[in-house]
Protein backbone atom coordinates (compact mmCIF):
# COMPACT_ATOMS: atom_id res chain seq x y z
CA MET A 1 -26.68 -4.62 8.69
CA GLU A 2 -23.53 -7.01 10.30
CA ASN A 3 -21.77 -6.00 13.34
CA LYS A 4 -18.49 -5.20 13.03
CA GLU A 5 -17.06 -8.66 15.57
CA THR A 6 -18.51 -10.54 11.69
CA ARG A 7 -16.84 -7.89 9.32
CA ALA A 8 -13.59 -9.40 7.47
CA GLN A 9 -10.12 -7.24 8.60
CA ARG A 10 -9.20 -4.48 5.96
CA LYS A 11 -6.04 -6.42 4.80
CA VAL A 12 -2.85 -3.65 5.58
CA LEU A 13 -0.14 -3.49 3.51
CA THR A 14 3.19 -1.07 4.71
CA GLY A 15 5.56 0.36 1.37
CA VAL A 16 7.01 3.10 -0.11
CA VAL A 17 5.56 5.84 -2.32
CA VAL A 18 7.65 5.34 -5.32
CA SER A 19 5.04 7.85 -7.62
CA ASP A 20 3.30 10.99 -6.14
CA LYS A 21 2.73 12.65 -9.72
CA MET A 22 -0.88 12.70 -9.42
CA ASP A 23 -3.33 14.50 -7.74
CA LYS A 24 -4.73 12.99 -4.00
CA THR A 25 -3.65 9.03 -5.28
CA ARG A 26 -0.51 7.49 -4.61
CA THR A 27 2.02 4.79 -6.89
CA VAL A 28 2.82 2.49 -2.68
CA GLN A 29 5.65 -0.29 -4.25
CA VAL A 30 5.09 -3.68 -1.49
CA GLU A 31 7.94 -5.76 -1.27
CA ARG A 32 7.48 -9.45 -0.04
CA LEU A 33 9.65 -12.36 0.31
CA VAL A 34 9.02 -15.97 -1.85
CA HIS A 35 10.48 -19.25 -1.39
CA ASP A 36 11.30 -20.86 -4.29
CA ALA A 37 9.75 -24.99 -4.01
CA ARG A 38 12.64 -26.10 -6.31
CA TYR A 39 15.40 -24.43 -4.87
CA GLY A 40 14.83 -23.37 -1.67
CA LYS A 41 16.39 -19.55 -2.46
CA THR A 42 14.40 -16.60 -0.93
CA LEU A 43 13.34 -13.85 -3.36
CA LYS A 44 12.73 -10.80 -3.35
CA ARG A 45 8.76 -9.69 -5.25
CA ALA A 46 7.60 -5.77 -5.88
CA THR A 47 4.28 -4.66 -7.00
CA LYS A 48 2.99 -2.00 -7.40
CA PHE A 49 -0.76 -0.24 -5.76
CA HIS A 50 -2.16 2.96 -6.23
CA ALA A 51 -3.85 3.89 -2.72
CA HIS A 52 -5.82 6.85 -2.23
CA ASP A 53 -4.30 9.79 -0.59
CA GLU A 54 -6.84 12.34 0.41
CA ALA A 55 -4.81 15.67 2.07
CA ASN A 56 -1.94 14.62 -0.59
CA GLU A 57 0.12 14.15 2.42
CA SER A 58 2.89 11.03 1.79
CA LYS A 59 5.93 12.00 -1.00
CA GLN A 60 8.46 9.87 -3.14
CA GLY A 61 9.96 7.96 -0.60
CA ASP A 62 8.41 8.01 2.38
CA LYS A 63 7.15 4.37 4.08
CA VAL A 64 2.82 4.05 4.43
CA GLU A 65 0.34 1.82 5.82
CA ILE A 66 -1.97 1.04 2.97
CA MET A 67 -5.60 -0.27 3.98
CA SER A 68 -7.48 -1.59 1.65
CA THR A 69 -11.54 -0.02 0.89
CA ARG A 70 -13.79 -0.04 -1.73
CA PRO A 71 -13.07 1.25 -5.27
CA VAL A 72 -12.18 4.93 -4.92
CA SER A 73 -11.12 4.64 -8.72
CA LYS A 74 -10.93 1.93 -11.84
CA THR A 75 -7.25 1.06 -10.19
CA THR A 76 -7.47 2.71 -6.45
CA LYS A 77 -8.19 0.91 -3.78
CA TRP A 78 -6.58 1.15 -1.48
CA ARG A 79 -5.95 4.17 0.80
CA VAL A 80 -3.19 5.08 3.21
CA SER A 81 -3.49 5.14 6.13
CA LYS A 82 -0.55 6.22 7.52
CA ILE A 83 3.21 7.80 7.44
CA VAL A 84 4.89 5.50 9.07
CA GLU A 85 8.59 7.16 9.04
CA LYS A 86 9.91 10.57 6.22
CA ALA A 87 11.57 10.30 3.28
CA ARG A 88 14.71 11.24 4.10
CA ALA A 89 15.19 14.95 2.19
């Protein structure tokens, strides 16, 4: 059995909920900035993750923090850890 100190830290990302149509699952879009090697330009890239939301608390447009976890289903390998900012009504 491993100690908590030797266990790897979970990945934490922040993104916006773009879909809440599934039950207990949210689609979260995470944006990142990448630096183009040739032109030196900064580009915006986005990735969508499926995240488990047990209580169905988050809604579309909410800014949430997601954390890596064991696979919950085929595509869901993240979970919503907290809602950073609610969407404006």
